[in-house]
Amino acid sequence: MKILLVEDDELMRDSLEKLLRINKHDVECAQDGQAALKILEEAEFDLMITDLLMPELSGHQLIKLCREKFPDLPIIAMTGYLEEIGKLDKDDNKPDYFLQKPFKLDELEKIIKSLKKS
């Protein structure tokens, strides 16, 4: 599966990228929402995994823009901040799946496998 990983925390981004690659996924990374949009304009992806709390263009804003431009792109959102989870309930542009940090890799893989079947 070709995955775009959007995470502003370098350590988290690098760790997740390595773990996803170990599980045989083709992963491209973006350090913020603006970089993610540029990458999405140039290549097709099977899935986007994005942090919600990022500077400049938040994950919420990124999801909204992706729903407009790439409506068929499945999106997994993740955050460690409870207030960000509450914003999802009020947001019309919800992700397909949500993971609260910290999460186990098998939780993420379970979601990815369910997407492969659909």
N, C-alpha and C. Protein backbone atom coordinates (compact mmCIF):
# COMPACT_ATOMS: atom_id res chain seq x y z
N MET A 1 0.84 -1.18 0.00
CA MET A 1 0.00 0.00 0.00
C MET A 1 0.89 1.24 0.00
N LYS A 2 0.53 2.21 -0.81
CA LYS A 2 1.29 3.46 -0.89
C LYS A 2 0.67 4.47 0.08
N ILE A 3 1.49 4.89 1.06
CA ILE A 3 1.00 5.72 2.16
C ILE A 3 1.74 7.05 2.22
N LEU A 4 0.97 8.13 2.40
CA LEU A 4 1.55 9.43 2.68
C LEU A 4 1.41 9.66 4.18
N LEU A 5 2.54 9.81 4.85
CA LEU A 5 2.58 10.04 6.29
C LEU A 5 2.88 11.51 6.55
N VAL A 6 1.98 12.20 7.24
CA VAL A 6 2.12 13.63 7.51
C VAL A 6 2.26 13.82 9.02
N GLU A 7 3.45 14.21 9.44
CA GLU A 7 3.74 14.35 10.87
C GLU A 7 4.82 15.39 11.04
N ASP A 8 4.56 16.40 11.89
CA ASP A 8 5.55 17.47 12.07
C ASP A 8 6.65 17.10 13.06
N ASP A 9 6.40 16.13 13.93
CA ASP A 9 7.42 15.70 14.89
C ASP A 9 8.37 14.72 14.19
N GLU A 10 9.62 15.14 14.04
CA GLU A 10 10.58 14.35 13.26
C GLU A 10 10.80 12.95 13.83
N LEU A 11 10.91 12.83 15.13
CA LEU A 11 11.14 11.53 15.75
C LEU A 11 9.96 10.60 15.51
N MET A 12 8.76 11.11 15.70
CA MET A 12 7.55 10.31 15.47
C MET A 12 7.43 9.92 14.00
N ARG A 13 7.70 10.88 13.12
CA ARG A 13 7.61 10.63 11.68
C ARG A 13 8.60 9.54 11.26
N ASP A 14 9.85 9.66 11.70
CA ASP A 14 10.87 8.68 11.34
C ASP A 14 10.55 7.29 11.89
N SER A 15 10.07 7.24 13.12
CA SER A 15 9.73 5.96 13.74
C SER A 15 8.58 5.28 13.01
N LEU A 16 7.52 6.05 12.75
CA LEU A 16 6.37 5.49 12.04
C LEU A 16 6.74 5.04 10.63
N GLU A 17 7.54 5.85 9.96
CA GLU A 17 7.97 5.48 8.60
C GLU A 17 8.70 4.14 8.62
N LYS A 18 9.64 3.98 9.54
CA LYS A 18 10.40 2.72 9.62
C LYS A 18 9.48 1.54 9.90
N LEU A 19 8.56 1.72 10.83
CA LEU A 19 7.64 0.63 11.17
C LEU A 19 6.72 0.27 10.00
N LEU A 20 6.25 1.27 9.29
CA LEU A 20 5.40 1.00 8.13
C LEU A 20 6.19 0.30 7.02
N ARG A 21 7.42 0.71 6.83
CA ARG A 21 8.27 0.05 5.81
C ARG A 21 8.57 -1.40 6.18
N ILE A 22 8.78 -1.66 7.47
CA ILE A 22 9.00 -3.04 7.93
C ILE A 22 7.81 -3.91 7.56
N ASN A 23 6.63 -3.32 7.59
CA ASN A 23 5.41 -4.04 7.22
C ASN A 23 5.11 -3.97 5.73
N LYS A 24 6.14 -3.65 4.96
CA LYS A 24 6.09 -3.72 3.48
C LYS A 24 5.22 -2.66 2.81
N HIS A 25 5.07 -1.51 3.46
CA HIS A 25 4.33 -0.43 2.83
C HIS A 25 5.30 0.52 2.14
N ASP A 26 4.85 1.10 1.05
CA ASP A 26 5.60 2.13 0.33
C ASP A 26 5.20 3.46 0.98
N VAL A 27 6.15 4.12 1.65
CA VAL A 27 5.83 5.30 2.45
C VAL A 27 6.56 6.53 1.94
N GLU A 28 5.82 7.62 1.81
CA GLU A 28 6.41 8.92 1.55
C GLU A 28 5.99 9.82 2.70
N CYS A 29 6.89 10.70 3.14
CA CYS A 29 6.63 11.52 4.31
C CYS A 29 6.56 13.00 3.97
N ALA A 30 5.74 13.70 4.74
CA ALA A 30 5.65 15.16 4.66
C ALA A 30 5.73 15.69 6.08
N GLN A 31 6.47 16.79 6.25
CA GLN A 31 6.65 17.35 7.59
C GLN A 31 5.54 18.30 8.00
N ASP A 32 4.66 18.64 7.06
CA ASP A 32 3.53 19.51 7.40
C ASP A 32 2.45 19.40 6.32
N GLY A 33 1.33 20.06 6.57
CA GLY A 33 0.20 19.99 5.65
C GLY A 33 0.48 20.58 4.28
N GLN A 34 1.22 21.67 4.23
CA GLN A 34 1.55 22.29 2.94
C GLN A 34 2.38 21.34 2.07
N ALA A 35 3.38 20.71 2.69
CA ALA A 35 4.21 19.75 1.94
C ALA A 35 3.37 18.56 1.48
N ALA A 36 2.44 18.14 2.32
CA ALA A 36 1.57 17.02 1.96
C ALA A 36 0.73 17.33 0.72
N LEU A 37 0.17 18.53 0.67
CA LEU A 37 -0.64 18.92 -0.49
C LEU A 37 0.18 18.91 -1.77
N LYS A 38 1.41 19.39 -1.71
CA LYS A 38 2.28 19.37 -2.90
C LYS A 38 2.55 17.94 -3.35
N ILE A 39 2.82 17.06 -2.40
CA ILE A 39 3.09 15.66 -2.74
C ILE A 39 1.85 15.01 -3.34
N LEU A 40 0.68 15.29 -2.78
CA LEU A 40 -0.57 14.71 -3.28
C LEU A 40 -0.89 15.18 -4.69
N GLU A 41 -0.45 16.37 -5.07
CA GLU A 41 -0.68 16.88 -6.42
C GLU A 41 0.18 16.14 -7.45
N GLU A 42 1.28 15.55 -6.98
CA GLU A 42 2.25 14.92 -7.89
C GLU A 42 2.15 13.41 -7.97
N ALA A 43 1.51 12.77 -6.99
CA ALA A 43 1.47 11.31 -6.98
C ALA A 43 0.16 10.82 -6.37
N GLU A 44 -0.19 9.58 -6.68
CA GLU A 44 -1.40 8.97 -6.11
C GLU A 44 -1.01 8.12 -4.91
N PHE A 45 -1.88 8.13 -3.91
CA PHE A 45 -1.66 7.35 -2.71
C PHE A 45 -2.89 6.53 -2.39
N ASP A 46 -2.68 5.41 -1.70
CA ASP A 46 -3.78 4.56 -1.27
C ASP A 46 -4.34 5.00 0.09
N LEU A 47 -3.53 5.78 0.82
CA LEU A 47 -3.89 6.16 2.18
C LEU A 47 -3.05 7.35 2.63
N MET A 48 -3.66 8.23 3.43
CA MET A 48 -2.91 9.29 4.09
C MET A 48 -3.11 9.13 5.59
N ILE A 49 -2.00 9.19 6.32
CA ILE A 49 -2.03 9.19 7.78
C ILE A 49 -1.51 10.56 8.20
N THR A 50 -2.31 11.30 8.96
CA THR A 50 -1.91 12.65 9.34
C THR A 50 -2.11 12.94 10.82
N ASP A 51 -1.17 13.68 11.36
CA ASP A 51 -1.32 14.23 12.69
C ASP A 51 -2.36 15.35 12.59
N LEU A 52 -3.07 15.62 13.67
CA LEU A 52 -4.06 16.69 13.64
C LEU A 52 -3.48 18.04 14.06
N LEU A 53 -2.57 18.03 15.00
CA LEU A 53 -2.03 19.28 15.51
C LEU A 53 -0.67 19.55 14.88
N MET A 54 -0.68 20.46 13.89
CA MET A 54 0.54 20.83 13.18
C MET A 54 0.52 22.34 12.96
N PRO A 55 1.70 22.95 12.85
CA PRO A 55 1.74 24.40 12.61
C PRO A 55 1.28 24.76 11.20
N GLU A 56 0.84 25.96 11.03
CA GLU A 56 0.42 26.56 9.77
C GLU A 56 -0.83 25.91 9.20
N LEU A 57 -0.74 24.72 8.67
CA LEU A 57 -1.91 24.02 8.11
C LEU A 57 -2.16 22.80 8.99
N SER A 58 -3.20 22.87 9.81
CA SER A 58 -3.47 21.76 10.74
C SER A 58 -3.95 20.52 10.00
N GLY A 59 -3.95 19.41 10.70
CA GLY A 59 -4.49 18.19 10.13
C GLY A 59 -5.96 18.32 9.78
N HIS A 60 -6.70 19.07 10.61
CA HIS A 60 -8.12 19.32 10.31
C HIS A 60 -8.27 20.04 8.97
N GLN A 61 -7.46 21.07 8.77
CA GLN A 61 -7.51 21.83 7.50
C GLN A 61 -7.06 20.96 6.33
N LEU A 62 -6.03 20.16 6.56
CA LEU A 62 -5.53 19.26 5.52
C LEU A 62 -6.61 18.27 5.10
N ILE A 63 -7.30 17.70 6.08
CA ILE A 63 -8.37 16.74 5.77
C ILE A 63 -9.46 17.42 4.95
N LYS A 64 -9.84 18.63 5.34
CA LYS A 64 -10.88 19.37 4.61
C LYS A 64 -10.47 19.59 3.15
N LEU A 65 -9.23 20.01 2.93
CA LEU A 65 -8.75 20.24 1.56
C LEU A 65 -8.66 18.93 0.78
N CYS A 66 -8.25 17.87 1.44
CA CYS A 66 -8.16 16.58 0.76
C CYS A 66 -9.54 16.05 0.38
N ARG A 67 -10.52 16.26 1.23
CA ARG A 67 -11.89 15.83 0.91
C ARG A 67 -12.41 16.55 -0.34
N GLU A 68 -11.99 17.79 -0.52
CA GLU A 68 -12.40 18.54 -1.71
C GLU A 68 -11.65 18.09 -2.96
N LYS A 69 -10.33 17.92 -2.84
CA LYS A 69 -9.49 17.62 -4.00
C LYS A 69 -9.32 16.13 -4.28
N PHE A 70 -9.32 15.32 -3.22
CA PHE A 70 -9.08 13.88 -3.36
C PHE A 70 -10.13 13.12 -2.54
N PRO A 71 -11.38 13.17 -2.97
CA PRO A 71 -12.47 12.63 -2.15
C PRO A 71 -12.39 11.12 -1.88
N ASP A 72 -11.68 10.38 -2.70
CA ASP A 72 -11.60 8.93 -2.52
C ASP A 72 -10.41 8.49 -1.68
N LEU A 73 -9.59 9.43 -1.24
CA LEU A 73 -8.40 9.09 -0.46
C LEU A 73 -8.79 8.77 0.99
N PRO A 74 -8.56 7.53 1.43
CA PRO A 74 -8.82 7.21 2.84
C PRO A 74 -7.83 7.96 3.73
N ILE A 75 -8.32 8.42 4.88
CA ILE A 75 -7.49 9.21 5.79
C ILE A 75 -7.60 8.67 7.21
N ILE A 76 -6.42 8.48 7.81
CA ILE A 76 -6.33 8.15 9.23
C ILE A 76 -5.75 9.37 9.93
N ALA A 77 -6.44 9.85 10.95
CA ALA A 77 -5.94 10.98 11.73
C ALA A 77 -5.44 10.47 13.07
N MET A 78 -4.42 11.14 13.59
CA MET A 78 -3.87 10.74 14.88
C MET A 78 -3.50 11.98 15.69
N THR A 79 -3.62 11.87 16.99
CA THR A 79 -3.21 12.95 17.89
C THR A 79 -3.08 12.41 19.30
N GLY A 80 -2.32 13.13 20.09
CA GLY A 80 -2.20 12.81 21.50
C GLY A 80 -2.93 13.80 22.37
N TYR A 81 -3.60 14.76 21.76
CA TYR A 81 -4.26 15.83 22.50
C TYR A 81 -5.77 15.65 22.50
N LEU A 82 -6.34 15.53 23.69
CA LEU A 82 -7.78 15.28 23.82
C LEU A 82 -8.63 16.37 23.21
N GLU A 83 -8.20 17.64 23.30
CA GLU A 83 -9.01 18.72 22.73
C GLU A 83 -9.13 18.61 21.21
N GLU A 84 -8.13 17.99 20.57
CA GLU A 84 -8.20 17.79 19.12
C GLU A 84 -9.23 16.73 18.76
N ILE A 85 -9.38 15.75 19.63
CA ILE A 85 -10.38 14.70 19.40
C ILE A 85 -11.78 15.31 19.43
N GLY A 86 -12.02 16.22 20.38
CA GLY A 86 -13.31 16.89 20.48
C GLY A 86 -13.65 17.69 19.24
N LYS A 87 -12.65 18.26 18.60
CA LYS A 87 -12.88 19.04 17.38
C LYS A 87 -13.37 18.16 16.24
N LEU A 88 -13.00 16.87 16.25
CA LEU A 88 -13.44 15.96 15.19
C LEU A 88 -14.96 15.81 15.19
N ASP A 89 -15.56 15.83 16.39
CA ASP A 89 -17.01 15.68 16.48
C ASP A 89 -17.75 16.85 15.84
N LYS A 90 -17.13 18.01 15.82
CA LYS A 90 -17.75 19.21 15.25
C LYS A 90 -17.36 19.42 13.80
N ASP A 91 -16.44 18.62 13.31
CA ASP A 91 -15.87 18.80 11.98
C ASP A 91 -16.69 18.04 10.94
N ASP A 92 -17.07 18.70 9.87
CA ASP A 92 -17.80 18.04 8.78
C ASP A 92 -16.88 17.16 7.94
N ASN A 93 -15.61 17.41 7.99
CA ASN A 93 -14.64 16.66 7.19
C ASN A 93 -13.85 15.71 8.07
N LYS A 94 -14.52 14.70 8.55
CA LYS A 94 -13.91 13.75 9.47
C LYS A 94 -13.01 12.78 8.72
N PRO A 95 -11.97 12.28 9.42
CA PRO A 95 -11.14 11.23 8.82
C PRO A 95 -11.95 9.93 8.79
N ASP A 96 -11.46 8.97 8.03
CA ASP A 96 -12.11 7.66 7.98
C ASP A 96 -11.87 6.90 9.28
N TYR A 97 -10.69 7.09 9.84
CA TYR A 97 -10.30 6.42 11.07
C TYR A 97 -9.54 7.40 11.95
N PHE A 98 -9.54 7.12 13.26
CA PHE A 98 -8.82 7.96 14.20
C PHE A 98 -8.02 7.08 15.16
N LEU A 99 -6.78 7.48 15.42
CA LEU A 99 -5.94 6.80 16.40
C LEU A 99 -5.45 7.82 17.42
N GLN A 100 -5.59 7.48 18.69
CA GLN A 100 -5.07 8.35 19.74
C GLN A 100 -3.65 7.91 20.09
N LYS A 101 -2.72 8.87 20.06
CA LYS A 101 -1.34 8.58 20.44
C LYS A 101 -1.25 8.47 21.95
N PRO A 102 -0.43 7.59 22.47
CA PRO A 102 0.33 6.59 21.73
C PRO A 102 -0.58 5.42 21.33
N PHE A 103 -0.28 4.82 20.22
CA PHE A 103 -1.03 3.66 19.78
C PHE A 103 -0.05 2.55 19.41
N LYS A 104 -0.57 1.35 19.32
CA LYS A 104 0.27 0.20 18.96
C LYS A 104 0.23 0.03 17.45
N LEU A 105 1.35 -0.40 16.91
CA LEU A 105 1.44 -0.58 15.47
C LEU A 105 0.39 -1.57 14.97
N ASP A 106 0.07 -2.59 15.76
CA ASP A 106 -0.92 -3.55 15.29
C ASP A 106 -2.31 -2.91 15.14
N GLU A 107 -2.60 -1.86 15.92
CA GLU A 107 -3.86 -1.12 15.73
C GLU A 107 -3.88 -0.46 14.36
N LEU A 108 -2.77 0.17 14.01
CA LEU A 108 -2.66 0.83 12.71
C LEU A 108 -2.72 -0.18 11.58
N GLU A 109 -2.01 -1.29 11.73
CA GLU A 109 -2.00 -2.32 10.68
C GLU A 109 -3.38 -2.93 10.47
N LYS A 110 -4.14 -3.07 11.54
CA LYS A 110 -5.51 -3.60 11.44
C LYS A 110 -6.36 -2.69 10.56
N ILE A 111 -6.23 -1.38 10.76
CA ILE A 111 -6.97 -0.42 9.94
C ILE A 111 -6.50 -0.49 8.49
N ILE A 112 -5.20 -0.53 8.27
CA ILE A 112 -4.66 -0.60 6.92
C ILE A 112 -5.15 -1.85 6.20
N LYS A 113 -5.16 -2.99 6.90
CA LYS A 113 -5.66 -4.22 6.28
C LYS A 113 -7.13 -4.12 5.93
N SER A 114 -7.91 -3.45 6.76
CA SER A 114 -9.34 -3.30 6.46
C SER A 114 -9.52 -2.43 5.20
N LEU A 115 -8.64 -1.47 4.99
CA LEU A 115 -8.72 -0.63 3.80
C LEU A 115 -8.36 -1.42 2.53
N LYS A 116 -7.43 -2.35 2.65
CA LYS A 116 -7.04 -3.16 1.49
C LYS A 116 -8.20 -4.01 1.00
N LYS A 117 -9.06 -4.43 1.91
CA LYS A 117 -10.20 -5.29 1.54
C LYS A 117 -11.30 -4.52 0.86
N SER A 118 -11.37 -3.20 1.14
CA SER A 118 -12.49 -2.43 0.56
C SER A 118 -12.20 -1.92 -0.80
